[in-house]
């Protein structure tokens, strides 16, 4: 999701590292289109609900682990995937971590 939202470039200027952030069309669309924001949050809610129902804790959920296929022409999210379950673990009904 990071790459879909913004691009960060760093340069040295007078001995200091200066960062330039270029926001993408998806970033501006989500900020300005409430329906798109609601769609994104709804999809994330569905994913988190599925994890909860399965007793799975992702343990590394961050923008880098959310892949979005965004159609710039229609300003719609075509698909969204949560990846990198390498740190995930299962909880039992009593919210106790199950052994790996």
C-alpha atoms as a PDB file:
ATOM      1  CA  UNK A   1       0.000   0.000   0.000  1.00  0.00           C
ATOM      2  CA  UNK A   2       2.913   2.354   0.668  1.00  0.00           C
ATOM      3  CA  UNK A   3       3.937   2.374  -2.987  1.00  0.00           C
ATOM      4  CA  UNK A   4       0.331   2.893  -4.059  1.00  0.00           C
ATOM      5  CA  UNK A   5      -0.055   5.870  -1.701  1.00  0.00           C
ATOM      6  CA  UNK A   6       3.273   7.709  -1.828  1.00  0.00           C
ATOM      7  CA  UNK A   7       6.891   7.614  -2.943  1.00  0.00           C
ATOM      8  CA  UNK A   8       9.651   8.843  -0.634  1.00  0.00           C
ATOM      9  CA  UNK A   9      12.997   9.999  -2.004  1.00  0.00           C
ATOM     10  CA  UNK A  10      15.885  11.042   0.200  1.00  0.00           C
ATOM     11  CA  UNK A  11      18.772  13.316  -0.722  1.00  0.00           C
ATOM     12  CA  UNK A  12      21.653  14.869   1.149  1.00  0.00           C
ATOM     13  CA  UNK A  13      21.590  18.658   1.324  1.00  0.00           C
ATOM     14  CA  UNK A  14      24.222  20.572   3.282  1.00  0.00           C
ATOM     15  CA  UNK A  15      25.162  17.438   5.208  1.00  0.00           C
ATOM     16  CA  UNK A  16      21.595  16.514   6.181  1.00  0.00           C
ATOM     17  CA  UNK A  17      19.229  13.969   4.713  1.00  0.00           C
ATOM     18  CA  UNK A  18      16.130  15.659   3.279  1.00  0.00           C
ATOM     19  CA  UNK A  19      13.090  13.600   2.255  1.00  0.00           C
ATOM     20  CA  UNK A  20      10.663  14.478  -0.507  1.00  0.00           C
ATOM     21  CA  UNK A  21       7.275  12.751  -0.374  1.00  0.00           C
ATOM     22  CA  UNK A  22       5.299  12.467  -3.610  1.00  0.00           C
ATOM     23  CA  UNK A  23       1.685  11.493  -2.957  1.00  0.00           C
ATOM     24  CA  UNK A  24      -0.002   9.330  -5.576  1.00  0.00           C
ATOM     25  CA  UNK A  25      -3.418   9.621  -7.152  1.00  0.00           C
ATOM     26  CA  UNK A  26      -4.741   6.940  -4.765  1.00  0.00           C
ATOM     27  CA  UNK A  27      -3.679   9.055  -1.767  1.00  0.00           C
ATOM     28  CA  UNK A  28      -5.464  12.133  -3.119  1.00  0.00           C
ATOM     29  CA  UNK A  29      -8.502  10.078  -4.147  1.00  0.00           C
ATOM     30  CA  UNK A  30      -8.897   8.567  -0.673  1.00  0.00           C
ATOM     31  CA  UNK A  31      -8.541  12.005   0.929  1.00  0.00           C
ATOM     32  CA  UNK A  32     -11.140  13.594  -1.346  1.00  0.00           C
ATOM     33  CA  UNK A  33     -13.567  10.739  -2.039  1.00  0.00           C
ATOM     34  CA  UNK A  34     -15.406   9.624   1.093  1.00  0.00           C
ATOM     35  CA  UNK A  35     -16.983   6.664  -0.724  1.00  0.00           C
ATOM     36  CA  UNK A  36     -13.506   5.372  -1.580  1.00  0.00           C
ATOM     37  CA  UNK A  37     -12.389   5.751   2.046  1.00  0.00           C
ATOM     38  CA  UNK A  38     -15.512   3.922   3.242  1.00  0.00           C
ATOM     39  CA  UNK A  39     -14.854   1.137   0.698  1.00  0.00           C
ATOM     40  CA  UNK A  40     -11.239   0.788   1.902  1.00  0.00           C
ATOM     41  CA  UNK A  41     -12.251   0.728   5.585  1.00  0.00           C
ATOM     42  CA  UNK A  42     -15.079  -1.734   4.868  1.00  0.00           C
ATOM     43  CA  UNK A  43     -12.698  -4.099   3.091  1.00  0.00           C
ATOM     44  CA  UNK A  44     -10.161  -3.855   5.931  1.00  0.00           C
ATOM     45  CA  UNK A  45     -12.956  -4.535   8.419  1.00  0.00           C
ATOM     46  CA  UNK A  46     -13.943  -7.660   6.484  1.00  0.00           C
ATOM     47  CA  UNK A  47     -10.342  -8.899   6.477  1.00  0.00           C
ATOM     48  CA  UNK A  48      -9.918  -8.276  10.200  1.00  0.00           C
ATOM     49  CA  UNK A  49     -13.258  -9.987  10.877  1.00  0.00           C
ATOM     50  CA  UNK A  50     -12.140 -13.060   8.913  1.00  0.00           C
ATOM     51  CA  UNK A  51      -8.873 -13.172  10.874  1.00  0.00           C
ATOM     52  CA  UNK A  52     -10.827 -12.852  14.112  1.00  0.00           C
ATOM     53  CA  UNK A  53     -13.269 -15.630  13.190  1.00  0.00           C
ATOM     54  CA  UNK A  54     -10.335 -17.920  12.370  1.00  0.00           C
ATOM     55  CA  UNK A  55      -8.492 -16.967  15.574  1.00  0.00           C
ATOM     56  CA  UNK A  56      -5.558 -15.592  13.572  1.00  0.00           C
ATOM     57  CA  UNK A  57      -3.424 -12.664  14.731  1.00  0.00           C
ATOM     58  CA  UNK A  58      -1.538 -11.127  11.794  1.00  0.00           C
ATOM     59  CA  UNK A  59       1.163  -9.607  14.066  1.00  0.00           C
ATOM     60  CA  UNK A  60       2.741  -7.526  11.254  1.00  0.00           C
ATOM     61  CA  UNK A  61      -0.113  -5.515   9.776  1.00  0.00           C
ATOM     62  CA  UNK A  62       1.260  -2.359   8.178  1.00  0.00           C
ATOM     63  CA  UNK A  63       0.782  -0.456   4.895  1.00  0.00           C
ATOM     64  CA  UNK A  64       3.568  -2.456   3.200  1.00  0.00           C
ATOM     65  CA  UNK A  65       1.518  -5.620   3.744  1.00  0.00           C
ATOM     66  CA  UNK A  66      -1.662  -4.336   2.111  1.00  0.00           C
ATOM     67  CA  UNK A  67      -1.735  -4.658  -1.678  1.00  0.00           C
ATOM     68  CA  UNK A  68      -4.291  -2.545  -3.513  1.00  0.00           C
ATOM     69  CA  UNK A  69      -5.266  -2.817  -7.169  1.00  0.00           C
ATOM     70  CA  UNK A  70      -6.656   0.667  -7.827  1.00  0.00           C
ATOM     71  CA  UNK A  71      -8.368   1.718 -11.074  1.00  0.00           C
ATOM     72  CA  UNK A  72      -7.478   5.378 -11.627  1.00  0.00           C
ATOM     73  CA  UNK A  73     -10.103   5.818 -14.362  1.00  0.00           C
ATOM     74  CA  UNK A  74     -13.089   4.757 -12.257  1.00  0.00           C
ATOM     75  CA  UNK A  75     -11.493   5.716  -8.908  1.00  0.00           C
ATOM     76  CA  UNK A  76     -12.388   2.304  -7.499  1.00  0.00           C
ATOM     77  CA  UNK A  77     -10.475  -0.340  -5.602  1.00  0.00           C
ATOM     78  CA  UNK A  78     -10.566  -3.431  -7.811  1.00  0.00           C
ATOM     79  CA  UNK A  79      -8.995  -5.727  -5.242  1.00  0.00           C
ATOM     80  CA  UNK A  80      -7.180  -5.591  -1.932  1.00  0.00           C
ATOM     81  CA  UNK A  81      -5.002  -8.279  -0.334  1.00  0.00           C
ATOM     82  CA  UNK A  82      -3.356  -8.568   3.054  1.00  0.00           C
ATOM     83  CA  UNK A  83      -0.035 -10.397   2.751  1.00  0.00           C
ATOM     84  CA  UNK A  84       2.925 -11.585   4.843  1.00  0.00           C
ATOM     85  CA  UNK A  85       1.436 -13.868   7.443  1.00  0.00           C
ATOM     86  CA  UNK A  86       4.930 -15.033   8.430  1.00  0.00           C
ATOM     87  CA  UNK A  87       4.588 -13.585  11.946  1.00  0.00           C
ATOM     88  CA  UNK A  88       0.946 -14.657  12.347  1.00  0.00           C
ATOM     89  CA  UNK A  89      -0.166 -16.939  15.138  1.00  0.00           C
ATOM     90  CA  UNK A  90      -3.362 -18.600  16.355  1.00  0.00           C
ATOM     91  CA  UNK A  91      -5.303 -17.858  19.511  1.00  0.00           C
ATOM     92  CA  UNK A  92      -7.638 -20.287  21.226  1.00  0.00           C
ATOM     93  CA  UNK A  93     -11.118 -19.403  22.543  1.00  0.00           C
ATOM     94  CA  UNK A  94      -9.613 -18.011  25.756  1.00  0.00           C
ATOM     95  CA  UNK A  95      -7.352 -15.619  23.778  1.00  0.00           C
ATOM     96  CA  UNK A  96      -4.295 -17.673  24.683  1.00  0.00           C
ATOM     97  CA  UNK A  97      -1.607 -18.156  22.095  1.00  0.00           C
ATOM     98  CA  UNK A  98      -1.436 -21.683  20.745  1.00  0.00           C
ATOM     99  CA  UNK A  99       2.000 -23.291  20.499  1.00  0.00           C
ATOM    100  CA  UNK A 100       3.719 -22.969  17.108  1.00  0.00           C
END
